[in-house]
């Protein structure tokens, strides 16, 4: 009888652990390892988890050249986020899946935080 309850108890613990990961920022690195993209809105809902590895996909929007790469806006059905990329060959409207690190640039104007989340893309 004890073994049966022990097995059942471990099932509850395992299910609870999976549920906690599913709703925590820890799911982004896990999804990235599995090469499964996260929704941009989900990533933006966790603004205090910087340097978190993420995998996202979407359509390339506005672009701007920078030293050793380009800055571009990546859009999916849930929102958009800026990507700093070493890849200079991306074109407007191109569909891409990328992996990178979530970053935050703080910009304080008149005492108000105006910073923004962005992703620093890994070198392809």
N, C-alpha and C. Protein backbone atom coordinates (compact mmCIF):
# COMPACT_ATOMS: atom_id res chain seq x y z
N UNK A 1 0.83 -1.19 0.00
CA UNK A 1 0.00 0.00 0.00
C UNK A 1 0.88 1.26 0.00
N UNK A 2 1.98 1.26 0.74
CA UNK A 2 2.86 2.42 0.82
C UNK A 2 3.49 2.72 -0.53
N UNK A 3 3.92 1.69 -1.25
CA UNK A 3 4.54 1.89 -2.55
C UNK A 3 3.57 2.55 -3.52
N UNK A 4 2.30 2.14 -3.49
CA UNK A 4 1.29 2.73 -4.36
C UNK A 4 1.15 4.23 -4.08
N UNK A 5 1.09 4.62 -2.83
CA UNK A 5 0.96 6.04 -2.47
C UNK A 5 2.22 6.81 -2.82
N UNK A 6 3.40 6.18 -2.66
CA UNK A 6 4.65 6.84 -3.03
C UNK A 6 4.66 7.14 -4.52
N UNK A 7 4.30 6.19 -5.33
CA UNK A 7 4.26 6.38 -6.77
C UNK A 7 3.29 7.50 -7.14
N UNK A 8 2.13 7.49 -6.52
CA UNK A 8 1.14 8.52 -6.78
C UNK A 8 1.65 9.90 -6.36
N UNK A 9 2.33 9.94 -5.21
CA UNK A 9 2.89 11.20 -4.72
C UNK A 9 3.93 11.78 -5.67
N UNK A 10 4.81 10.90 -6.22
CA UNK A 10 5.81 11.38 -7.16
C UNK A 10 5.16 11.86 -8.46
N UNK A 11 4.06 11.28 -8.84
CA UNK A 11 3.33 11.74 -10.02
C UNK A 11 2.81 13.16 -9.81
N UNK A 12 2.31 13.42 -8.63
CA UNK A 12 1.82 14.77 -8.32
C UNK A 12 2.96 15.77 -8.33
N UNK A 13 4.09 15.40 -7.71
CA UNK A 13 5.26 16.28 -7.68
C UNK A 13 5.74 16.57 -9.10
N UNK A 14 5.84 15.54 -9.93
CA UNK A 14 6.28 15.72 -11.31
C UNK A 14 5.35 16.61 -12.11
N UNK A 15 4.06 16.39 -11.97
CA UNK A 15 3.07 17.21 -12.66
C UNK A 15 3.15 18.66 -12.18
N UNK A 16 3.33 18.84 -10.89
CA UNK A 16 3.46 20.19 -10.34
C UNK A 16 4.69 20.90 -10.87
N UNK A 17 5.81 20.18 -10.96
CA UNK A 17 7.05 20.77 -11.48
C UNK A 17 6.88 21.19 -12.94
N UNK A 18 6.25 20.33 -13.74
CA UNK A 18 6.01 20.67 -15.15
C UNK A 18 5.09 21.89 -15.26
N UNK A 19 4.07 21.95 -14.43
CA UNK A 19 3.15 23.10 -14.45
C UNK A 19 3.87 24.38 -14.07
N UNK A 20 4.76 24.32 -13.08
CA UNK A 20 5.52 25.52 -12.67
C UNK A 20 6.43 26.00 -13.79
N UNK A 21 7.09 25.07 -14.48
CA UNK A 21 7.95 25.47 -15.58
C UNK A 21 7.13 26.05 -16.72
N UNK A 22 5.96 25.49 -16.97
CA UNK A 22 5.11 25.95 -18.09
C UNK A 22 4.67 27.39 -17.93
N UNK A 23 4.53 27.88 -16.70
CA UNK A 23 4.07 29.25 -16.48
C UNK A 23 5.20 30.17 -16.03
N UNK A 24 6.42 29.68 -15.98
CA UNK A 24 7.54 30.51 -15.53
C UNK A 24 8.42 30.90 -16.71
N UNK A 25 9.31 31.86 -16.49
CA UNK A 25 10.25 32.24 -17.55
C UNK A 25 11.20 31.11 -17.93
N UNK A 26 11.30 30.06 -17.11
CA UNK A 26 12.18 28.95 -17.42
C UNK A 26 11.73 28.19 -18.66
N UNK A 27 10.50 28.40 -19.10
CA UNK A 27 10.03 27.69 -20.28
C UNK A 27 10.71 28.20 -21.55
N UNK A 28 11.17 29.46 -21.57
CA UNK A 28 11.78 30.00 -22.78
C UNK A 28 13.08 29.29 -23.14
N UNK A 29 14.02 29.09 -22.18
CA UNK A 29 15.22 28.32 -22.54
C UNK A 29 14.89 26.87 -22.90
N UNK A 30 13.91 26.29 -22.22
CA UNK A 30 13.52 24.91 -22.50
C UNK A 30 12.96 24.80 -23.92
N UNK A 31 12.08 25.72 -24.30
CA UNK A 31 11.53 25.72 -25.66
C UNK A 31 12.63 25.96 -26.69
N UNK A 32 13.58 26.84 -26.35
CA UNK A 32 14.70 27.10 -27.25
C UNK A 32 15.55 25.87 -27.49
N UNK A 33 15.79 25.10 -26.43
CA UNK A 33 16.55 23.86 -26.58
C UNK A 33 15.82 22.88 -27.48
N UNK A 34 14.51 22.91 -27.43
CA UNK A 34 13.70 22.03 -28.27
C UNK A 34 13.44 22.63 -29.65
N UNK A 35 14.03 23.82 -29.92
CA UNK A 35 13.87 24.55 -31.18
C UNK A 35 12.41 24.91 -31.44
N UNK A 36 11.67 25.18 -30.36
CA UNK A 36 10.26 25.58 -30.45
C UNK A 36 10.17 27.07 -30.14
N UNK A 37 9.65 27.87 -31.06
CA UNK A 37 9.58 29.31 -30.82
C UNK A 37 8.51 29.69 -29.79
N UNK A 38 8.79 30.77 -29.07
CA UNK A 38 7.84 31.35 -28.12
C UNK A 38 7.15 32.53 -28.79
N UNK A 39 5.94 32.84 -28.36
CA UNK A 39 5.23 34.02 -28.87
C UNK A 39 5.90 35.27 -28.32
N UNK A 40 6.00 36.29 -29.14
CA UNK A 40 6.64 37.54 -28.72
C UNK A 40 5.92 38.14 -27.53
N UNK A 41 4.59 38.11 -27.52
CA UNK A 41 3.83 38.66 -26.39
C UNK A 41 4.16 37.94 -25.09
N UNK A 42 4.37 36.63 -25.15
CA UNK A 42 4.74 35.88 -23.95
C UNK A 42 6.09 36.32 -23.43
N UNK A 43 7.03 36.54 -24.33
CA UNK A 43 8.37 36.99 -23.93
C UNK A 43 8.29 38.37 -23.31
N UNK A 44 7.51 39.26 -23.90
CA UNK A 44 7.39 40.62 -23.38
C UNK A 44 6.64 40.68 -22.06
N UNK A 45 5.89 39.66 -21.73
CA UNK A 45 5.16 39.63 -20.46
C UNK A 45 6.09 39.35 -19.29
N UNK A 46 7.34 38.98 -19.55
CA UNK A 46 8.33 38.71 -18.51
C UNK A 46 9.45 39.74 -18.59
N UNK A 47 9.18 41.01 -18.33
CA UNK A 47 10.17 42.05 -18.58
C UNK A 47 11.36 42.08 -17.62
N UNK A 48 11.34 41.30 -16.57
CA UNK A 48 12.44 41.39 -15.61
C UNK A 48 13.39 40.21 -15.69
N UNK A 49 13.29 39.41 -16.72
CA UNK A 49 14.16 38.25 -16.89
C UNK A 49 15.11 38.50 -18.05
N UNK A 50 16.12 39.32 -17.82
CA UNK A 50 17.07 39.66 -18.87
C UNK A 50 18.12 38.56 -19.01
N UNK A 51 18.77 38.55 -20.16
CA UNK A 51 19.79 37.58 -20.50
C UNK A 51 19.24 36.15 -20.53
N UNK A 52 17.97 36.05 -20.82
CA UNK A 52 17.29 34.77 -20.91
C UNK A 52 17.36 34.29 -22.36
N UNK A 53 17.79 33.04 -22.61
CA UNK A 53 17.81 32.55 -23.99
C UNK A 53 16.38 32.33 -24.50
N UNK A 54 16.12 32.77 -25.73
CA UNK A 54 14.79 32.62 -26.32
C UNK A 54 14.91 32.15 -27.77
N UNK A 55 13.84 31.56 -28.26
CA UNK A 55 13.71 31.18 -29.67
C UNK A 55 12.39 31.80 -30.13
N UNK A 56 12.44 32.59 -31.21
CA UNK A 56 11.23 33.22 -31.73
C UNK A 56 11.25 33.17 -33.25
N UNK A 57 10.06 33.28 -33.83
CA UNK A 57 9.97 33.34 -35.28
C UNK A 57 8.95 34.39 -35.67
N UNK A 58 9.14 34.92 -36.87
CA UNK A 58 8.22 35.93 -37.35
C UNK A 58 8.67 36.47 -38.69
N UNK A 59 8.14 37.63 -39.01
CA UNK A 59 8.41 38.30 -40.28
C UNK A 59 9.26 39.53 -40.02
N UNK A 60 10.31 39.71 -40.82
CA UNK A 60 11.20 40.86 -40.68
C UNK A 60 10.45 42.12 -41.10
N UNK A 61 10.47 43.13 -40.22
CA UNK A 61 9.84 44.42 -40.51
C UNK A 61 10.90 45.48 -40.76
N UNK A 62 10.73 46.64 -40.13
CA UNK A 62 11.68 47.74 -40.30
C UNK A 62 13.10 47.28 -39.98
N UNK A 63 14.07 47.81 -40.75
CA UNK A 63 15.47 47.44 -40.57
C UNK A 63 16.33 48.68 -40.55
N UNK A 64 17.47 48.58 -39.86
CA UNK A 64 18.44 49.67 -39.84
C UNK A 64 19.83 49.07 -39.73
N UNK A 65 20.76 49.54 -40.56
CA UNK A 65 22.12 49.01 -40.46
C UNK A 65 22.81 49.51 -39.19
N UNK A 66 23.63 48.66 -38.60
CA UNK A 66 24.47 49.04 -37.47
C UNK A 66 25.86 48.48 -37.74
N UNK A 67 26.83 48.87 -36.95
CA UNK A 67 28.18 48.35 -37.11
C UNK A 67 28.16 46.84 -36.90
N UNK A 68 28.70 46.09 -37.83
CA UNK A 68 28.79 44.62 -37.77
C UNK A 68 27.43 43.92 -37.72
N UNK A 69 26.42 44.47 -38.39
CA UNK A 69 25.13 43.77 -38.42
C UNK A 69 23.99 44.68 -38.79
N UNK A 70 22.82 44.33 -38.30
CA UNK A 70 21.65 45.17 -38.52
C UNK A 70 20.67 45.03 -37.36
N UNK A 71 19.85 46.02 -37.21
CA UNK A 71 18.77 46.04 -36.22
C UNK A 71 17.48 45.89 -37.02
N UNK A 72 16.64 44.95 -36.61
CA UNK A 72 15.38 44.80 -37.33
C UNK A 72 14.26 44.45 -36.36
N UNK A 73 13.05 44.77 -36.80
CA UNK A 73 11.87 44.48 -36.01
C UNK A 73 11.32 43.14 -36.49
N UNK A 74 11.09 42.22 -35.53
CA UNK A 74 10.52 40.92 -35.86
C UNK A 74 9.08 40.91 -35.36
N UNK A 75 8.15 40.53 -36.25
CA UNK A 75 6.73 40.57 -35.92
C UNK A 75 6.13 39.17 -36.03
N UNK A 76 5.29 38.83 -35.05
CA UNK A 76 4.47 37.62 -35.17
C UNK A 76 3.03 38.04 -34.91
N UNK A 77 2.13 37.08 -34.82
CA UNK A 77 0.71 37.41 -34.65
C UNK A 77 0.40 38.04 -33.29
N UNK A 78 1.36 37.99 -32.35
CA UNK A 78 1.10 38.52 -31.00
C UNK A 78 1.76 39.86 -30.72
N UNK A 79 2.70 40.29 -31.58
CA UNK A 79 3.38 41.55 -31.33
C UNK A 79 4.67 41.66 -32.11
N UNK A 80 5.54 42.56 -31.67
CA UNK A 80 6.83 42.75 -32.34
C UNK A 80 7.91 43.06 -31.31
N UNK A 81 9.15 42.77 -31.69
CA UNK A 81 10.29 43.01 -30.82
C UNK A 81 11.49 43.32 -31.72
N UNK A 82 12.41 44.13 -31.22
CA UNK A 82 13.61 44.48 -31.98
C UNK A 82 14.67 43.41 -31.78
N UNK A 83 15.40 43.13 -32.86
CA UNK A 83 16.45 42.13 -32.86
C UNK A 83 17.76 42.80 -33.30
N UNK A 84 18.82 42.60 -32.54
CA UNK A 84 20.16 43.02 -32.94
C UNK A 84 20.82 41.78 -33.52
N UNK A 85 21.20 41.85 -34.79
CA UNK A 85 21.65 40.66 -35.51
C UNK A 85 22.97 40.89 -36.24
N UNK A 86 23.83 39.88 -36.25
CA UNK A 86 25.04 39.98 -37.07
C UNK A 86 24.75 39.70 -38.55
N UNK A 87 23.55 39.21 -38.85
CA UNK A 87 23.15 38.87 -40.22
C UNK A 87 22.71 40.13 -40.96
N UNK A 88 23.44 40.50 -41.98
CA UNK A 88 23.11 41.71 -42.75
C UNK A 88 22.29 41.40 -44.00
N UNK A 89 21.98 40.14 -44.24
CA UNK A 89 21.29 39.76 -45.47
C UNK A 89 19.78 39.62 -45.33
N UNK A 90 19.22 39.94 -44.19
CA UNK A 90 17.77 39.79 -44.01
C UNK A 90 17.02 40.86 -44.80
N UNK A 91 15.89 40.46 -45.38
CA UNK A 91 15.10 41.36 -46.21
C UNK A 91 13.72 41.61 -45.60
N UNK A 92 13.15 42.74 -45.89
CA UNK A 92 11.81 43.10 -45.45
C UNK A 92 10.82 42.03 -45.90
N UNK A 93 9.99 41.54 -44.98
CA UNK A 93 9.00 40.53 -45.30
C UNK A 93 9.48 39.10 -45.22
N UNK A 94 10.76 38.89 -44.96
CA UNK A 94 11.33 37.55 -44.87
C UNK A 94 10.90 36.86 -43.58
N UNK A 95 10.52 35.59 -43.67
CA UNK A 95 10.17 34.80 -42.48
C UNK A 95 11.46 34.19 -41.91
N UNK A 96 11.66 34.36 -40.60
CA UNK A 96 12.87 33.83 -39.96
C UNK A 96 12.52 33.21 -38.61
N UNK A 97 13.34 32.28 -38.18
CA UNK A 97 13.31 31.73 -36.83
C UNK A 97 14.70 31.97 -36.26
N UNK A 98 14.76 32.61 -35.10
CA UNK A 98 16.06 32.94 -34.53
C UNK A 98 16.15 32.50 -33.08
N UNK A 99 17.38 32.35 -32.62
CA UNK A 99 17.67 32.14 -31.21
C UNK A 99 18.56 33.28 -30.76
N UNK A 100 18.34 33.72 -29.54
CA UNK A 100 19.13 34.82 -29.02
C UNK A 100 18.93 34.98 -27.53
N UNK A 101 19.44 36.09 -27.03
CA UNK A 101 19.37 36.40 -25.61
C UNK A 101 18.51 37.63 -25.39
N UNK A 102 17.53 37.53 -24.50
CA UNK A 102 16.67 38.66 -24.17
C UNK A 102 17.48 39.70 -23.41
N UNK A 103 17.40 40.94 -23.84
CA UNK A 103 18.14 42.04 -23.22
C UNK A 103 17.18 43.19 -22.93
N UNK A 104 17.62 44.13 -22.14
CA UNK A 104 16.83 45.32 -21.85
C UNK A 104 17.74 46.53 -21.87
N UNK A 105 17.34 47.57 -22.59
CA UNK A 105 18.08 48.82 -22.62
C UNK A 105 17.27 49.86 -21.87
N UNK A 106 17.80 50.31 -20.76
CA UNK A 106 17.11 51.32 -19.96
C UNK A 106 17.35 52.71 -20.53
N UNK A 107 16.29 53.46 -20.68
CA UNK A 107 16.35 54.85 -21.11
C UNK A 107 15.40 55.62 -20.20
N UNK A 108 15.96 56.50 -19.36
CA UNK A 108 15.14 57.26 -18.43
C UNK A 108 15.02 58.69 -18.96
N UNK A 109 13.77 59.11 -19.17
CA UNK A 109 13.50 60.47 -19.65
C UNK A 109 12.57 61.13 -18.64
N UNK A 110 13.03 62.24 -18.08
CA UNK A 110 12.26 62.99 -17.08
C UNK A 110 11.79 62.08 -15.93
N UNK A 111 12.68 61.20 -15.50
CA UNK A 111 12.37 60.32 -14.38
C UNK A 111 11.49 59.14 -14.72
N UNK A 112 11.11 58.98 -15.97
CA UNK A 112 10.25 57.88 -16.41
C UNK A 112 11.05 56.88 -17.24
N UNK A 113 10.88 55.60 -16.93
CA UNK A 113 11.56 54.55 -17.69
C UNK A 113 10.92 54.43 -19.07
N UNK A 114 11.73 54.59 -20.10
CA UNK A 114 11.26 54.46 -21.49
C UNK A 114 12.00 53.35 -22.22
N UNK A 115 12.69 52.49 -21.46
CA UNK A 115 13.50 51.44 -22.06
C UNK A 115 12.67 50.39 -22.78
N UNK A 116 13.39 49.48 -23.44
CA UNK A 116 12.69 48.46 -24.23
C UNK A 116 13.45 47.14 -24.22
N UNK A 117 12.67 46.07 -24.27
CA UNK A 117 13.26 44.74 -24.43
C UNK A 117 13.68 44.55 -25.88
N UNK A 118 14.75 43.80 -26.08
CA UNK A 118 15.17 43.42 -27.42
C UNK A 118 15.89 42.08 -27.32
N UNK A 119 16.16 41.47 -28.46
CA UNK A 119 16.86 40.18 -28.49
C UNK A 119 18.17 40.37 -29.22
N UNK A 120 19.24 39.91 -28.60
CA UNK A 120 20.55 39.88 -29.26
C UNK A 120 20.69 38.49 -29.88
N UNK A 121 20.60 38.45 -31.21
CA UNK A 121 20.60 37.17 -31.94
C UNK A 121 21.96 36.52 -31.86
N UNK A 122 21.95 35.18 -31.67
CA UNK A 122 23.20 34.42 -31.72
C UNK A 122 23.75 34.46 -33.13
N UNK A 123 25.05 34.36 -33.26
CA UNK A 123 25.68 34.32 -34.58
C UNK A 123 25.22 33.06 -35.31
N UNK A 124 24.67 33.23 -36.53
CA UNK A 124 24.18 32.06 -37.26
C UNK A 124 25.29 31.11 -37.65
